[in-house]
């Protein structure tokens, strides 16, 4: 299990570096998520995140954004 955790941590670090560079934001660390119903809950969480990102992108393209929209939280 340690190798799986190490691989996930490495993937997470690379993905966050790419996201931070191109989008100015990062992911929530998977260890900090509370998943009560397993994979189905994770799929809904990811779907909600994608819809929120889509909404933010549309607001940005329309010039309707706030400076706080670009703050990167310290996770």
C-alpha atoms as a PDB file:
ATOM      1  CA  UNK A   1       0.000   0.000   0.000  1.00  0.00           C
ATOM      2  CA  UNK A   2       2.950   2.327   0.603  1.00  0.00           C
ATOM      3  CA  UNK A   3       3.978   2.181  -3.063  1.00  0.00           C
ATOM      4  CA  UNK A   4       0.440   3.072  -4.138  1.00  0.00           C
ATOM      5  CA  UNK A   5       0.343   6.000  -1.704  1.00  0.00           C
ATOM      6  CA  UNK A   6       3.776   7.177  -2.895  1.00  0.00           C
ATOM      7  CA  UNK A   7       2.666   6.950  -6.530  1.00  0.00           C
ATOM      8  CA  UNK A   8      -0.521   8.900  -5.791  1.00  0.00           C
ATOM      9  CA  UNK A   9       1.464  11.562  -3.937  1.00  0.00           C
ATOM     10  CA  UNK A  10       3.887  11.896  -6.862  1.00  0.00           C
ATOM     11  CA  UNK A  11       1.032  12.141  -9.371  1.00  0.00           C
ATOM     12  CA  UNK A  12      -0.719  14.680  -7.146  1.00  0.00           C
ATOM     13  CA  UNK A  13       2.430  16.829  -6.918  1.00  0.00           C
ATOM     14  CA  UNK A  14       2.978  16.862 -10.698  1.00  0.00           C
ATOM     15  CA  UNK A  15      -0.671  17.579 -11.451  1.00  0.00           C
ATOM     16  CA  UNK A  16      -0.734  20.423  -8.929  1.00  0.00           C
ATOM     17  CA  UNK A  17       2.401  21.962 -10.416  1.00  0.00           C
ATOM     18  CA  UNK A  18       0.806  21.933 -13.877  1.00  0.00           C
ATOM     19  CA  UNK A  19      -2.518  23.284 -12.592  1.00  0.00           C
ATOM     20  CA  UNK A  20      -0.857  26.028 -10.592  1.00  0.00           C
ATOM     21  CA  UNK A  21       1.220  27.120 -13.578  1.00  0.00           C
ATOM     22  CA  UNK A  22      -1.608  27.162 -16.120  1.00  0.00           C
ATOM     23  CA  UNK A  23      -4.728  27.823 -14.038  1.00  0.00           C
ATOM     24  CA  UNK A  24      -3.419  29.460 -10.873  1.00  0.00           C
ATOM     25  CA  UNK A  25      -5.129  26.876  -8.662  1.00  0.00           C
ATOM     26  CA  UNK A  26      -4.511  23.462  -7.187  1.00  0.00           C
ATOM     27  CA  UNK A  27      -6.437  20.340  -6.226  1.00  0.00           C
ATOM     28  CA  UNK A  28      -7.739  19.406  -2.806  1.00  0.00           C
ATOM     29  CA  UNK A  29      -5.432  16.727  -1.436  1.00  0.00           C
ATOM     30  CA  UNK A  30      -7.153  13.354  -1.544  1.00  0.00           C
ATOM     31  CA  UNK A  31      -6.205  12.679   2.119  1.00  0.00           C
ATOM     32  CA  UNK A  32      -8.295  15.693   3.174  1.00  0.00           C
ATOM     33  CA  UNK A  33     -11.475  14.575   1.407  1.00  0.00           C
ATOM     34  CA  UNK A  34     -14.220  12.892   3.334  1.00  0.00           C
ATOM     35  CA  UNK A  35     -15.698  10.169   1.174  1.00  0.00           C
ATOM     36  CA  UNK A  36     -18.613   8.491   2.942  1.00  0.00           C
ATOM     37  CA  UNK A  37     -20.043   6.421   0.106  1.00  0.00           C
ATOM     38  CA  UNK A  38     -16.878   5.429  -1.708  1.00  0.00           C
ATOM     39  CA  UNK A  39     -16.398   5.773  -5.433  1.00  0.00           C
ATOM     40  CA  UNK A  40     -19.880   7.105  -6.162  1.00  0.00           C
ATOM     41  CA  UNK A  41     -19.347  10.036  -3.793  1.00  0.00           C
ATOM     42  CA  UNK A  42     -15.969  10.732  -5.383  1.00  0.00           C
ATOM     43  CA  UNK A  43     -17.569  10.841  -8.844  1.00  0.00           C
ATOM     44  CA  UNK A  44     -20.178  13.339  -7.628  1.00  0.00           C
ATOM     45  CA  UNK A  45     -17.446  15.427  -5.991  1.00  0.00           C
ATOM     46  CA  UNK A  46     -15.445  15.496  -9.225  1.00  0.00           C
ATOM     47  CA  UNK A  47     -18.571  16.366 -11.225  1.00  0.00           C
ATOM     48  CA  UNK A  48     -19.333  19.276  -8.877  1.00  0.00           C
ATOM     49  CA  UNK A  49     -15.765  20.518  -9.277  1.00  0.00           C
ATOM     50  CA  UNK A  50     -15.962  20.356 -13.063  1.00  0.00           C
ATOM     51  CA  UNK A  51     -19.259  22.262 -13.107  1.00  0.00           C
ATOM     52  CA  UNK A  52     -17.815  24.917 -10.784  1.00  0.00           C
ATOM     53  CA  UNK A  53     -14.738  25.286 -13.004  1.00  0.00           C
ATOM     54  CA  UNK A  54     -16.953  25.599 -16.094  1.00  0.00           C
ATOM     55  CA  UNK A  55     -18.982  28.320 -14.372  1.00  0.00           C
ATOM     56  CA  UNK A  56     -15.813  30.179 -13.334  1.00  0.00           C
ATOM     57  CA  UNK A  57     -14.395  29.991 -16.863  1.00  0.00           C
ATOM     58  CA  UNK A  58     -17.611  31.431 -18.337  1.00  0.00           C
ATOM     59  CA  UNK A  59     -17.590  34.267 -15.787  1.00  0.00           C
ATOM     60  CA  UNK A  60     -13.933  34.978 -16.577  1.00  0.00           C
ATOM     61  CA  UNK A  61     -14.576  35.039 -20.330  1.00  0.00           C
ATOM     62  CA  UNK A  62     -17.479  37.455 -19.756  1.00  0.00           C
ATOM     63  CA  UNK A  63     -15.239  39.688 -17.617  1.00  0.00           C
ATOM     64  CA  UNK A  64     -17.313  38.942 -14.520  1.00  0.00           C
ATOM     65  CA  UNK A  65     -14.787  37.845 -11.950  1.00  0.00           C
ATOM     66  CA  UNK A  66     -13.411  39.036  -8.641  1.00  0.00           C
ATOM     67  CA  UNK A  67      -9.735  39.269  -7.631  1.00  0.00           C
ATOM     68  CA  UNK A  68     -10.457  36.593  -5.004  1.00  0.00           C
ATOM     69  CA  UNK A  69     -11.268  34.154  -7.808  1.00  0.00           C
ATOM     70  CA  UNK A  70      -7.520  33.826  -8.401  1.00  0.00           C
ATOM     71  CA  UNK A  71      -6.411  33.263  -4.815  1.00  0.00           C
ATOM     72  CA  UNK A  72      -4.681  29.948  -4.312  1.00  0.00           C
ATOM     73  CA  UNK A  73      -5.499  28.432  -0.915  1.00  0.00           C
ATOM     74  CA  UNK A  74      -2.750  26.982   1.205  1.00  0.00           C
ATOM     75  CA  UNK A  75      -3.673  23.317   1.246  1.00  0.00           C
END
